[in-house]
Amino acid sequence: DIDLKGITVTEAKGFGRQKGHTEL
């Protein structure tokens, strides 16, 4: 929308303050 067309996208994994979560 602001006429910026060129981007690079990379899938990543990480955590900050949330420090992940527990799953069953």
PDBML (XML) file of the C-alpha atoms, coordinates in Angstrom:
<?xml version="1.0" encoding="UTF-8" ?>
<PDBx:datablock datablockName="MODEL"
   xmlns:PDBx="http://pdbml.pdb.org/schema/pdbx-v50.xsd"
   xmlns:xsi="http://www.w3.org/2001/XMLSchema-instance"
   xsi:schemaLocation="http://pdbml.pdb.org/schema/pdbx-v50.xsd pdbx-v50.xsd">
   <PDBx:atom_siteCategory>
      <PDBx:atom_site id="1">
         <PDBx:B_iso_or_equiv>0.00</PDBx:B_iso_or_equiv>
         <PDBx:Cartn_x>0.000</PDBx:Cartn_x>
         <PDBx:Cartn_y>0.000</PDBx:Cartn_y>
         <PDBx:Cartn_z>0.000</PDBx:Cartn_z>
         <PDBx:auth_asym_id>A</PDBx:auth_asym_id>
         <PDBx:auth_atom_id>CA</PDBx:auth_atom_id>
         <PDBx:auth_comp_id>ASP</PDBx:auth_comp_id>
         <PDBx:auth_seq_id>1</PDBx:auth_seq_id>
         <PDBx:group_PDB>ATOM</PDBx:group_PDB>
         <PDBx:label_alt_id xsi:nil="true" />
         <PDBx:label_asym_id>A</PDBx:label_asym_id>
         <PDBx:label_atom_id>CA</PDBx:label_atom_id>
         <PDBx:label_comp_id>ASP</PDBx:label_comp_id>
         <PDBx:label_entity_id>1</PDBx:label_entity_id>
         <PDBx:label_seq_id>1</PDBx:label_seq_id>
         <PDBx:occupancy>1.00</PDBx:occupancy>
         <PDBx:pdbx_PDB_model_num>1</PDBx:pdbx_PDB_model_num>
         <PDBx:type_symbol>C</PDBx:type_symbol>
      </PDBx:atom_site>
      <PDBx:atom_site id="2">
         <PDBx:B_iso_or_equiv>0.00</PDBx:B_iso_or_equiv>
         <PDBx:Cartn_x>2.954</PDBx:Cartn_x>
         <PDBx:Cartn_y>2.364</PDBx:Cartn_y>
         <PDBx:Cartn_z>0.515</PDBx:Cartn_z>
         <PDBx:auth_asym_id>A</PDBx:auth_asym_id>
         <PDBx:auth_atom_id>CA</PDBx:auth_atom_id>
         <PDBx:auth_comp_id>ILE</PDBx:auth_comp_id>
         <PDBx:auth_seq_id>2</PDBx:auth_seq_id>
         <PDBx:group_PDB>ATOM</PDBx:group_PDB>
         <PDBx:label_alt_id xsi:nil="true" />
         <PDBx:label_asym_id>A</PDBx:label_asym_id>
         <PDBx:label_atom_id>CA</PDBx:label_atom_id>
         <PDBx:label_comp_id>ILE</PDBx:label_comp_id>
         <PDBx:label_entity_id>1</PDBx:label_entity_id>
         <PDBx:label_seq_id>2</PDBx:label_seq_id>
         <PDBx:occupancy>1.00</PDBx:occupancy>
         <PDBx:pdbx_PDB_model_num>1</PDBx:pdbx_PDB_model_num>
         <PDBx:type_symbol>C</PDBx:type_symbol>
      </PDBx:atom_site>
      <PDBx:atom_site id="3">
         <PDBx:B_iso_or_equiv>0.00</PDBx:B_iso_or_equiv>
         <PDBx:Cartn_x>4.655</PDBx:Cartn_x>
         <PDBx:Cartn_y>1.157</PDBx:Cartn_y>
         <PDBx:Cartn_z>-2.703</PDBx:Cartn_z>
         <PDBx:auth_asym_id>A</PDBx:auth_asym_id>
         <PDBx:auth_atom_id>CA</PDBx:auth_atom_id>
         <PDBx:auth_comp_id>ASP</PDBx:auth_comp_id>
         <PDBx:auth_seq_id>3</PDBx:auth_seq_id>
         <PDBx:group_PDB>ATOM</PDBx:group_PDB>
         <PDBx:label_alt_id xsi:nil="true" />
         <PDBx:label_asym_id>A</PDBx:label_asym_id>
         <PDBx:label_atom_id>CA</PDBx:label_atom_id>
         <PDBx:label_comp_id>ASP</PDBx:label_comp_id>
         <PDBx:label_entity_id>1</PDBx:label_entity_id>
         <PDBx:label_seq_id>3</PDBx:label_seq_id>
         <PDBx:occupancy>1.00</PDBx:occupancy>
         <PDBx:pdbx_PDB_model_num>1</PDBx:pdbx_PDB_model_num>
         <PDBx:type_symbol>C</PDBx:type_symbol>
      </PDBx:atom_site>
      <PDBx:atom_site id="4">
         <PDBx:B_iso_or_equiv>0.00</PDBx:B_iso_or_equiv>
         <PDBx:Cartn_x>7.336</PDBx:Cartn_x>
         <PDBx:Cartn_y>-1.009</PDBx:Cartn_y>
         <PDBx:Cartn_z>-1.089</PDBx:Cartn_z>
         <PDBx:auth_asym_id>A</PDBx:auth_asym_id>
         <PDBx:auth_atom_id>CA</PDBx:auth_atom_id>
         <PDBx:auth_comp_id>LEU</PDBx:auth_comp_id>
         <PDBx:auth_seq_id>4</PDBx:auth_seq_id>
         <PDBx:group_PDB>ATOM</PDBx:group_PDB>
         <PDBx:label_alt_id xsi:nil="true" />
         <PDBx:label_asym_id>A</PDBx:label_asym_id>
         <PDBx:label_atom_id>CA</PDBx:label_atom_id>
         <PDBx:label_comp_id>LEU</PDBx:label_comp_id>
         <PDBx:label_entity_id>1</PDBx:label_entity_id>
         <PDBx:label_seq_id>4</PDBx:label_seq_id>
         <PDBx:occupancy>1.00</PDBx:occupancy>
         <PDBx:pdbx_PDB_model_num>1</PDBx:pdbx_PDB_model_num>
         <PDBx:type_symbol>C</PDBx:type_symbol>
      </PDBx:atom_site>
      <PDBx:atom_site id="5">
         <PDBx:B_iso_or_equiv>0.00</PDBx:B_iso_or_equiv>
         <PDBx:Cartn_x>7.419</PDBx:Cartn_x>
         <PDBx:Cartn_y>-4.157</PDBx:Cartn_y>
         <PDBx:Cartn_z>-3.176</PDBx:Cartn_z>
         <PDBx:auth_asym_id>A</PDBx:auth_asym_id>
         <PDBx:auth_atom_id>CA</PDBx:auth_atom_id>
         <PDBx:auth_comp_id>LYS</PDBx:auth_comp_id>
         <PDBx:auth_seq_id>5</PDBx:auth_seq_id>
         <PDBx:group_PDB>ATOM</PDBx:group_PDB>
         <PDBx:label_alt_id xsi:nil="true" />
         <PDBx:label_asym_id>A</PDBx:label_asym_id>
         <PDBx:label_atom_id>CA</PDBx:label_atom_id>
         <PDBx:label_comp_id>LYS</PDBx:label_comp_id>
         <PDBx:label_entity_id>1</PDBx:label_entity_id>
         <PDBx:label_seq_id>5</PDBx:label_seq_id>
         <PDBx:occupancy>1.00</PDBx:occupancy>
         <PDBx:pdbx_PDB_model_num>1</PDBx:pdbx_PDB_model_num>
         <PDBx:type_symbol>C</PDBx:type_symbol>
      </PDBx:atom_site>
      <PDBx:atom_site id="6">
         <PDBx:B_iso_or_equiv>0.00</PDBx:B_iso_or_equiv>
         <PDBx:Cartn_x>10.696</PDBx:Cartn_x>
         <PDBx:Cartn_y>-5.989</PDBx:Cartn_y>
         <PDBx:Cartn_z>-2.527</PDBx:Cartn_z>
         <PDBx:auth_asym_id>A</PDBx:auth_asym_id>
         <PDBx:auth_atom_id>CA</PDBx:auth_atom_id>
         <PDBx:auth_comp_id>GLY</PDBx:auth_comp_id>
         <PDBx:auth_seq_id>6</PDBx:auth_seq_id>
         <PDBx:group_PDB>ATOM</PDBx:group_PDB>
         <PDBx:label_alt_id xsi:nil="true" />
         <PDBx:label_asym_id>A</PDBx:label_asym_id>
         <PDBx:label_atom_id>CA</PDBx:label_atom_id>
         <PDBx:label_comp_id>GLY</PDBx:label_comp_id>
         <PDBx:label_entity_id>1</PDBx:label_entity_id>
         <PDBx:label_seq_id>6</PDBx:label_seq_id>
         <PDBx:occupancy>1.00</PDBx:occupancy>
         <PDBx:pdbx_PDB_model_num>1</PDBx:pdbx_PDB_model_num>
         <PDBx:type_symbol>C</PDBx:type_symbol>
      </PDBx:atom_site>
      <PDBx:atom_site id="7">
         <PDBx:B_iso_or_equiv>0.00</PDBx:B_iso_or_equiv>
         <PDBx:Cartn_x>10.753</PDBx:Cartn_x>
         <PDBx:Cartn_y>-8.113</PDBx:Cartn_y>
         <PDBx:Cartn_z>0.605</PDBx:Cartn_z>
         <PDBx:auth_asym_id>A</PDBx:auth_asym_id>
         <PDBx:auth_atom_id>CA</PDBx:auth_atom_id>
         <PDBx:auth_comp_id>ILE</PDBx:auth_comp_id>
         <PDBx:auth_seq_id>7</PDBx:auth_seq_id>
         <PDBx:group_PDB>ATOM</PDBx:group_PDB>
         <PDBx:label_alt_id xsi:nil="true" />
         <PDBx:label_asym_id>A</PDBx:label_asym_id>
         <PDBx:label_atom_id>CA</PDBx:label_atom_id>
         <PDBx:label_comp_id>ILE</PDBx:label_comp_id>
         <PDBx:label_entity_id>1</PDBx:label_entity_id>
         <PDBx:label_seq_id>7</PDBx:label_seq_id>
         <PDBx:occupancy>1.00</PDBx:occupancy>
         <PDBx:pdbx_PDB_model_num>1</PDBx:pdbx_PDB_model_num>
         <PDBx:type_symbol>C</PDBx:type_symbol>
      </PDBx:atom_site>
      <PDBx:atom_site id="8">
         <PDBx:B_iso_or_equiv>0.00</PDBx:B_iso_or_equiv>
         <PDBx:Cartn_x>12.465</PDBx:Cartn_x>
         <PDBx:Cartn_y>-11.336</PDBx:Cartn_y>
         <PDBx:Cartn_z>1.618</PDBx:Cartn_z>
         <PDBx:auth_asym_id>A</PDBx:auth_asym_id>
         <PDBx:auth_atom_id>CA</PDBx:auth_atom_id>
         <PDBx:auth_comp_id>THR</PDBx:auth_comp_id>
         <PDBx:auth_seq_id>8</PDBx:auth_seq_id>
         <PDBx:group_PDB>ATOM</PDBx:group_PDB>
         <PDBx:label_alt_id xsi:nil="true" />
         <PDBx:label_asym_id>A</PDBx:label_asym_id>
         <PDBx:label_atom_id>CA</PDBx:label_atom_id>
         <PDBx:label_comp_id>THR</PDBx:label_comp_id>
         <PDBx:label_entity_id>1</PDBx:label_entity_id>
         <PDBx:label_seq_id>8</PDBx:label_seq_id>
         <PDBx:occupancy>1.00</PDBx:occupancy>
         <PDBx:pdbx_PDB_model_num>1</PDBx:pdbx_PDB_model_num>
         <PDBx:type_symbol>C</PDBx:type_symbol>
      </PDBx:atom_site>
      <PDBx:atom_site id="9">
         <PDBx:B_iso_or_equiv>0.00</PDBx:B_iso_or_equiv>
         <PDBx:Cartn_x>10.591</PDBx:Cartn_x>
         <PDBx:Cartn_y>-13.732</PDBx:Cartn_y>
         <PDBx:Cartn_z>3.889</PDBx:Cartn_z>
         <PDBx:auth_asym_id>A</PDBx:auth_asym_id>
         <PDBx:auth_atom_id>CA</PDBx:auth_atom_id>
         <PDBx:auth_comp_id>VAL</PDBx:auth_comp_id>
         <PDBx:auth_seq_id>9</PDBx:auth_seq_id>
         <PDBx:group_PDB>ATOM</PDBx:group_PDB>
         <PDBx:label_alt_id xsi:nil="true" />
         <PDBx:label_asym_id>A</PDBx:label_asym_id>
         <PDBx:label_atom_id>CA</PDBx:label_atom_id>
         <PDBx:label_comp_id>VAL</PDBx:label_comp_id>
         <PDBx:label_entity_id>1</PDBx:label_entity_id>
         <PDBx:label_seq_id>9</PDBx:label_seq_id>
         <PDBx:occupancy>1.00</PDBx:occupancy>
         <PDBx:pdbx_PDB_model_num>1</PDBx:pdbx_PDB_model_num>
         <PDBx:type_symbol>C</PDBx:type_symbol>
      </PDBx:atom_site>
      <PDBx:atom_site id="10">
         <PDBx:B_iso_or_equiv>0.00</PDBx:B_iso_or_equiv>
         <PDBx:Cartn_x>12.215</PDBx:Cartn_x>
         <PDBx:Cartn_y>-16.480</PDBx:Cartn_y>
         <PDBx:Cartn_z>5.958</PDBx:Cartn_z>
         <PDBx:auth_asym_id>A</PDBx:auth_asym_id>
         <PDBx:auth_atom_id>CA</PDBx:auth_atom_id>
         <PDBx:auth_comp_id>THR</PDBx:auth_comp_id>
         <PDBx:auth_seq_id>10</PDBx:auth_seq_id>
         <PDBx:group_PDB>ATOM</PDBx:group_PDB>
         <PDBx:label_alt_id xsi:nil="true" />
         <PDBx:label_asym_id>A</PDBx:label_asym_id>
         <PDBx:label_atom_id>CA</PDBx:label_atom_id>
         <PDBx:label_comp_id>THR</PDBx:label_comp_id>
         <PDBx:label_entity_id>1</PDBx:label_entity_id>
         <PDBx:label_seq_id>10</PDBx:label_seq_id>
         <PDBx:occupancy>1.00</PDBx:occupancy>
         <PDBx:pdbx_PDB_model_num>1</PDBx:pdbx_PDB_model_num>
         <PDBx:type_symbol>C</PDBx:type_symbol>
      </PDBx:atom_site>
      <PDBx:atom_site id="11">
         <PDBx:B_iso_or_equiv>0.00</PDBx:B_iso_or_equiv>
         <PDBx:Cartn_x>10.525</PDBx:Cartn_x>
         <PDBx:Cartn_y>-18.980</PDBx:Cartn_y>
         <PDBx:Cartn_z>8.229</PDBx:Cartn_z>
         <PDBx:auth_asym_id>A</PDBx:auth_asym_id>
         <PDBx:auth_atom_id>CA</PDBx:auth_atom_id>
         <PDBx:auth_comp_id>GLU</PDBx:auth_comp_id>
         <PDBx:auth_seq_id>11</PDBx:auth_seq_id>
         <PDBx:group_PDB>ATOM</PDBx:group_PDB>
         <PDBx:label_alt_id xsi:nil="true" />
         <PDBx:label_asym_id>A</PDBx:label_asym_id>
         <PDBx:label_atom_id>CA</PDBx:label_atom_id>
         <PDBx:label_comp_id>GLU</PDBx:label_comp_id>
         <PDBx:label_entity_id>1</PDBx:label_entity_id>
         <PDBx:label_seq_id>11</PDBx:label_seq_id>
         <PDBx:occupancy>1.00</PDBx:occupancy>
         <PDBx:pdbx_PDB_model_num>1</PDBx:pdbx_PDB_model_num>
         <PDBx:type_symbol>C</PDBx:type_symbol>
      </PDBx:atom_site>
      <PDBx:atom_site id="12">
         <PDBx:B_iso_or_equiv>0.00</PDBx:B_iso_or_equiv>
         <PDBx:Cartn_x>12.110</PDBx:Cartn_x>
         <PDBx:Cartn_y>-18.880</PDBx:Cartn_y>
         <PDBx:Cartn_z>11.677</PDBx:Cartn_z>
         <PDBx:auth_asym_id>A</PDBx:auth_asym_id>
         <PDBx:auth_atom_id>CA</PDBx:auth_atom_id>
         <PDBx:auth_comp_id>ALA</PDBx:auth_comp_id>
         <PDBx:auth_seq_id>12</PDBx:auth_seq_id>
         <PDBx:group_PDB>ATOM</PDBx:group_PDB>
         <PDBx:label_alt_id xsi:nil="true" />
         <PDBx:label_asym_id>A</PDBx:label_asym_id>
         <PDBx:label_atom_id>CA</PDBx:label_atom_id>
         <PDBx:label_comp_id>ALA</PDBx:label_comp_id>
         <PDBx:label_entity_id>1</PDBx:label_entity_id>
         <PDBx:label_seq_id>12</PDBx:label_seq_id>
         <PDBx:occupancy>1.00</PDBx:occupancy>
         <PDBx:pdbx_PDB_model_num>1</PDBx:pdbx_PDB_model_num>
         <PDBx:type_symbol>C</PDBx:type_symbol>
      </PDBx:atom_site>
      <PDBx:atom_site id="13">
         <PDBx:B_iso_or_equiv>0.00</PDBx:B_iso_or_equiv>
         <PDBx:Cartn_x>11.694</PDBx:Cartn_x>
         <PDBx:Cartn_y>-20.265</PDBx:Cartn_y>
         <PDBx:Cartn_z>15.174</PDBx:Cartn_z>
         <PDBx:auth_asym_id>A</PDBx:auth_asym_id>
         <PDBx:auth_atom_id>CA</PDBx:auth_atom_id>
         <PDBx:auth_comp_id>LYS</PDBx:auth_comp_id>
         <PDBx:auth_seq_id>13</PDBx:auth_seq_id>
         <PDBx:group_PDB>ATOM</PDBx:group_PDB>
         <PDBx:label_alt_id xsi:nil="true" />
         <PDBx:label_asym_id>A</PDBx:label_asym_id>
         <PDBx:label_atom_id>CA</PDBx:label_atom_id>
         <PDBx:label_comp_id>LYS</PDBx:label_comp_id>
         <PDBx:label_entity_id>1</PDBx:label_entity_id>
         <PDBx:label_seq_id>13</PDBx:label_seq_id>
         <PDBx:occupancy>1.00</PDBx:occupancy>
         <PDBx:pdbx_PDB_model_num>1</PDBx:pdbx_PDB_model_num>
         <PDBx:type_symbol>C</PDBx:type_symbol>
      </PDBx:atom_site>
      <PDBx:atom_site id="14">
         <PDBx:B_iso_or_equiv>0.00</PDBx:B_iso_or_equiv>
         <PDBx:Cartn_x>12.412</PDBx:Cartn_x>
         <PDBx:Cartn_y>-18.471</PDBx:Cartn_y>
         <PDBx:Cartn_z>18.397</PDBx:Cartn_z>
         <PDBx:auth_asym_id>A</PDBx:auth_asym_id>
         <PDBx:auth_atom_id>CA</PDBx:auth_atom_id>
         <PDBx:auth_comp_id>GLY</PDBx:auth_comp_id>
         <PDBx:auth_seq_id>14</PDBx:auth_seq_id>
         <PDBx:group_PDB>ATOM</PDBx:group_PDB>
         <PDBx:label_alt_id xsi:nil="true" />
         <PDBx:label_asym_id>A</PDBx:label_asym_id>
         <PDBx:label_atom_id>CA</PDBx:label_atom_id>
         <PDBx:label_comp_id>GLY</PDBx:label_comp_id>
         <PDBx:label_entity_id>1</PDBx:label_entity_id>
         <PDBx:label_seq_id>14</PDBx:label_seq_id>
         <PDBx:occupancy>1.00</PDBx:occupancy>
         <PDBx:pdbx_PDB_model_num>1</PDBx:pdbx_PDB_model_num>
         <PDBx:type_symbol>C</PDBx:type_symbol>
      </PDBx:atom_site>
      <PDBx:atom_site id="15">
         <PDBx:B_iso_or_equiv>0.00</PDBx:B_iso_or_equiv>
         <PDBx:Cartn_x>11.162</PDBx:Cartn_x>
         <PDBx:Cartn_y>-17.108</PDBx:Cartn_y>
         <PDBx:Cartn_z>21.665</PDBx:Cartn_z>
         <PDBx:auth_asym_id>A</PDBx:auth_asym_id>
         <PDBx:auth_atom_id>CA</PDBx:auth_atom_id>
         <PDBx:auth_comp_id>PHE</PDBx:auth_comp_id>
         <PDBx:auth_seq_id>15</PDBx:auth_seq_id>
         <PDBx:group_PDB>ATOM</PDBx:group_PDB>
         <PDBx:label_alt_id xsi:nil="true" />
         <PDBx:label_asym_id>A</PDBx:label_asym_id>
         <PDBx:label_atom_id>CA</PDBx:label_atom_id>
         <PDBx:label_comp_id>PHE</PDBx:label_comp_id>
         <PDBx:label_entity_id>1</PDBx:label_entity_id>
         <PDBx:label_seq_id>15</PDBx:label_seq_id>
         <PDBx:occupancy>1.00</PDBx:occupancy>
         <PDBx:pdbx_PDB_model_num>1</PDBx:pdbx_PDB_model_num>
         <PDBx:type_symbol>C</PDBx:type_symbol>
      </PDBx:atom_site>
      <PDBx:atom_site id="16">
         <PDBx:B_iso_or_equiv>0.00</PDBx:B_iso_or_equiv>
         <PDBx:Cartn_x>11.380</PDBx:Cartn_x>
         <PDBx:Cartn_y>-13.991</PDBx:Cartn_y>
         <PDBx:Cartn_z>23.749</PDBx:Cartn_z>
         <PDBx:auth_asym_id>A</PDBx:auth_asym_id>
         <PDBx:auth_atom_id>CA</PDBx:auth_atom_id>
         <PDBx:auth_comp_id>GLY</PDBx:auth_comp_id>
         <PDBx:auth_seq_id>16</PDBx:auth_seq_id>
         <PDBx:group_PDB>ATOM</PDBx:group_PDB>
         <PDBx:label_alt_id xsi:nil="true" />
         <PDBx:label_asym_id>A</PDBx:label_asym_id>
         <PDBx:label_atom_id>CA</PDBx:label_atom_id>
         <PDBx:label_comp_id>GLY</PDBx:label_comp_id>
         <PDBx:label_entity_id>1</PDBx:label_entity_id>
         <PDBx:label_seq_id>16</PDBx:label_seq_id>
         <PDBx:occupancy>1.00</PDBx:occupancy>
         <PDBx:pdbx_PDB_model_num>1</PDBx:pdbx_PDB_model_num>
         <PDBx:type_symbol>C</PDBx:type_symbol>
      </PDBx:atom_site>
      <PDBx:atom_site id="17">
         <PDBx:B_iso_or_equiv>0.00</PDBx:B_iso_or_equiv>
         <PDBx:Cartn_x>9.572</PDBx:Cartn_x>
         <PDBx:Cartn_y>-13.211</PDBx:Cartn_y>
         <PDBx:Cartn_z>26.957</PDBx:Cartn_z>
         <PDBx:auth_asym_id>A</PDBx:auth_asym_id>
         <PDBx:auth_atom_id>CA</PDBx:auth_atom_id>
         <PDBx:auth_comp_id>ARG</PDBx:auth_comp_id>
         <PDBx:auth_seq_id>17</PDBx:auth_seq_id>
         <PDBx:group_PDB>ATOM</PDBx:group_PDB>
         <PDBx:label_alt_id xsi:nil="true" />
         <PDBx:label_asym_id>A</PDBx:label_asym_id>
         <PDBx:label_atom_id>CA</PDBx:label_atom_id>
         <PDBx:label_comp_id>ARG</PDBx:label_comp_id>
         <PDBx:label_entity_id>1</PDBx:label_entity_id>
         <PDBx:label_seq_id>17</PDBx:label_seq_id>
         <PDBx:occupancy>1.00</PDBx:occupancy>
         <PDBx:pdbx_PDB_model_num>1</PDBx:pdbx_PDB_model_num>
         <PDBx:type_symbol>C</PDBx:type_symbol>
      </PDBx:atom_site>
      <PDBx:atom_site id="18">
         <PDBx:B_iso_or_equiv>0.00</PDBx:B_iso_or_equiv>
         <PDBx:Cartn_x>6.864</PDBx:Cartn_x>
         <PDBx:Cartn_y>-15.748</PDBx:Cartn_y>
         <PDBx:Cartn_z>26.215</PDBx:Cartn_z>
         <PDBx:auth_asym_id>A</PDBx:auth_asym_id>
         <PDBx:auth_atom_id>CA</PDBx:auth_atom_id>
         <PDBx:auth_comp_id>GLN</PDBx:auth_comp_id>
         <PDBx:auth_seq_id>18</PDBx:auth_seq_id>
         <PDBx:group_PDB>ATOM</PDBx:group_PDB>
         <PDBx:label_alt_id xsi:nil="true" />
         <PDBx:label_asym_id>A</PDBx:label_asym_id>
         <PDBx:label_atom_id>CA</PDBx:label_atom_id>
         <PDBx:label_comp_id>GLN</PDBx:label_comp_id>
         <PDBx:label_entity_id>1</PDBx:label_entity_id>
         <PDBx:label_seq_id>18</PDBx:label_seq_id>
         <PDBx:occupancy>1.00</PDBx:occupancy>
         <PDBx:pdbx_PDB_model_num>1</PDBx:pdbx_PDB_model_num>
         <PDBx:type_symbol>C</PDBx:type_symbol>
      </PDBx:atom_site>
      <PDBx:atom_site id="19">
         <PDBx:B_iso_or_equiv>0.00</PDBx:B_iso_or_equiv>
         <PDBx:Cartn_x>9.420</PDBx:Cartn_x>
         <PDBx:Cartn_y>-18.589</PDBx:Cartn_y>
         <PDBx:Cartn_z>26.544</PDBx:Cartn_z>
         <PDBx:auth_asym_id>A</PDBx:auth_asym_id>
         <PDBx:auth_atom_id>CA</PDBx:auth_atom_id>
         <PDBx:auth_comp_id>LYS</PDBx:auth_comp_id>
         <PDBx:auth_seq_id>19</PDBx:auth_seq_id>
         <PDBx:group_PDB>ATOM</PDBx:group_PDB>
         <PDBx:label_alt_id xsi:nil="true" />
         <PDBx:label_asym_id>A</PDBx:label_asym_id>
         <PDBx:label_atom_id>CA</PDBx:label_atom_id>
         <PDBx:label_comp_id>LYS</PDBx:label_comp_id>
         <PDBx:label_entity_id>1</PDBx:label_entity_id>
         <PDBx:label_seq_id>19</PDBx:label_seq_id>
         <PDBx:occupancy>1.00</PDBx:occupancy>
         <PDBx:pdbx_PDB_model_num>1</PDBx:pdbx_PDB_model_num>
         <PDBx:type_symbol>C</PDBx:type_symbol>
      </PDBx:atom_site>
      <PDBx:atom_site id="20">
         <PDBx:B_iso_or_equiv>0.00</PDBx:B_iso_or_equiv>
         <PDBx:Cartn_x>7.324</PDBx:Cartn_x>
         <PDBx:Cartn_y>-21.108</PDBx:Cartn_y>
         <PDBx:Cartn_z>24.622</PDBx:Cartn_z>
         <PDBx:auth_asym_id>A</PDBx:auth_asym_id>
         <PDBx:auth_atom_id>CA</PDBx:auth_atom_id>
         <PDBx:auth_comp_id>GLY</PDBx:auth_comp_id>
         <PDBx:auth_seq_id>20</PDBx:auth_seq_id>
         <PDBx:group_PDB>ATOM</PDBx:group_PDB>
         <PDBx:label_alt_id xsi:nil="true" />
         <PDBx:label_asym_id>A</PDBx:label_asym_id>
         <PDBx:label_atom_id>CA</PDBx:label_atom_id>
         <PDBx:label_comp_id>GLY</PDBx:label_comp_id>
         <PDBx:label_entity_id>1</PDBx:label_entity_id>
         <PDBx:label_seq_id>20</PDBx:label_seq_id>
         <PDBx:occupancy>1.00</PDBx:occupancy>
         <PDBx:pdbx_PDB_model_num>1</PDBx:pdbx_PDB_model_num>
         <PDBx:type_symbol>C</PDBx:type_symbol>
      </PDBx:atom_site>
      <PDBx:atom_site id="21">
         <PDBx:B_iso_or_equiv>0.00</PDBx:B_iso_or_equiv>
         <PDBx:Cartn_x>4.369</PDBx:Cartn_x>
         <PDBx:Cartn_y>-23.053</PDBx:Cartn_y>
         <PDBx:Cartn_z>25.894</PDBx:Cartn_z>
         <PDBx:auth_asym_id>A</PDBx:auth_asym_id>
         <PDBx:auth_atom_id>CA</PDBx:auth_atom_id>
         <PDBx:auth_comp_id>HIS</PDBx:auth_comp_id>
         <PDBx:auth_seq_id>21</PDBx:auth_seq_id>
         <PDBx:group_PDB>ATOM</PDBx:group_PDB>
         <PDBx:label_alt_id xsi:nil="true" />
         <PDBx:label_asym_id>A</PDBx:label_asym_id>
         <PDBx:label_atom_id>CA</PDBx:label_atom_id>
         <PDBx:label_comp_id>HIS</PDBx:label_comp_id>
         <PDBx:label_entity_id>1</PDBx:label_entity_id>
         <PDBx:label_seq_id>21</PDBx:label_seq_id>
         <PDBx:occupancy>1.00</PDBx:occupancy>
         <PDBx:pdbx_PDB_model_num>1</PDBx:pdbx_PDB_model_num>
         <PDBx:type_symbol>C</PDBx:type_symbol>
      </PDBx:atom_site>
      <PDBx:atom_site id="22">
         <PDBx:B_iso_or_equiv>0.00</PDBx:B_iso_or_equiv>
         <PDBx:Cartn_x>3.327</PDBx:Cartn_x>
         <PDBx:Cartn_y>-26.531</PDBx:Cartn_y>
         <PDBx:Cartn_z>27.069</PDBx:Cartn_z>
         <PDBx:auth_asym_id>A</PDBx:auth_asym_id>
         <PDBx:auth_atom_id>CA</PDBx:auth_atom_id>
         <PDBx:auth_comp_id>THR</PDBx:auth_comp_id>
         <PDBx:auth_seq_id>22</PDBx:auth_seq_id>
         <PDBx:group_PDB>ATOM</PDBx:group_PDB>
         <PDBx:label_alt_id xsi:nil="true" />
         <PDBx:label_asym_id>A</PDBx:label_asym_id>
         <PDBx:label_atom_id>CA</PDBx:label_atom_id>
         <PDBx:label_comp_id>THR</PDBx:label_comp_id>
         <PDBx:label_entity_id>1</PDBx:label_entity_id>
         <PDBx:label_seq_id>22</PDBx:label_seq_id>
         <PDBx:occupancy>1.00</PDBx:occupancy>
         <PDBx:pdbx_PDB_model_num>1</PDBx:pdbx_PDB_model_num>
         <PDBx:type_symbol>C</PDBx:type_symbol>
      </PDBx:atom_site>
      <PDBx:atom_site id="23">
         <PDBx:B_iso_or_equiv>0.00</PDBx:B_iso_or_equiv>
         <PDBx:Cartn_x>1.420</PDBx:Cartn_x>
         <PDBx:Cartn_y>-28.933</PDBx:Cartn_y>
         <PDBx:Cartn_z>24.815</PDBx:Cartn_z>
         <PDBx:auth_asym_id>A</PDBx:auth_asym_id>
         <PDBx:auth_atom_id>CA</PDBx:auth_atom_id>
         <PDBx:auth_comp_id>GLU</PDBx:auth_comp_id>
         <PDBx:auth_seq_id>23</PDBx:auth_seq_id>
         <PDBx:group_PDB>ATOM</PDBx:group_PDB>
         <PDBx:label_alt_id xsi:nil="true" />
         <PDBx:label_asym_id>A</PDBx:label_asym_id>
         <PDBx:label_atom_id>CA</PDBx:label_atom_id>
         <PDBx:label_comp_id>GLU</PDBx:label_comp_id>
         <PDBx:label_entity_id>1</PDBx:label_entity_id>
         <PDBx:label_seq_id>23</PDBx:label_seq_id>
         <PDBx:occupancy>1.00</PDBx:occupancy>
         <PDBx:pdbx_PDB_model_num>1</PDBx:pdbx_PDB_model_num>
         <PDBx:type_symbol>C</PDBx:type_symbol>
      </PDBx:atom_site>
      <PDBx:atom_site id="24">
         <PDBx:B_iso_or_equiv>0.00</PDBx:B_iso_or_equiv>
         <PDBx:Cartn_x>-0.181</PDBx:Cartn_x>
         <PDBx:Cartn_y>-32.301</PDBx:Cartn_y>
         <PDBx:Cartn_z>25.362</PDBx:Cartn_z>
         <PDBx:auth_asym_id>A</PDBx:auth_asym_id>
         <PDBx:auth_atom_id>CA</PDBx:auth_atom_id>
         <PDBx:auth_comp_id>LEU</PDBx:auth_comp_id>
         <PDBx:auth_seq_id>24</PDBx:auth_seq_id>
         <PDBx:group_PDB>ATOM</PDBx:group_PDB>
         <PDBx:label_alt_id xsi:nil="true" />
         <PDBx:label_asym_id>A</PDBx:label_asym_id>
         <PDBx:label_atom_id>CA</PDBx:label_atom_id>
         <PDBx:label_comp_id>LEU</PDBx:label_comp_id>
         <PDBx:label_entity_id>1</PDBx:label_entity_id>
         <PDBx:label_seq_id>24</PDBx:label_seq_id>
         <PDBx:occupancy>1.00</PDBx:occupancy>
         <PDBx:pdbx_PDB_model_num>1</PDBx:pdbx_PDB_model_num>
         <PDBx:type_symbol>C</PDBx:type_symbol>
      </PDBx:atom_site>
   </PDBx:atom_siteCategory>
</PDBx:datablock>
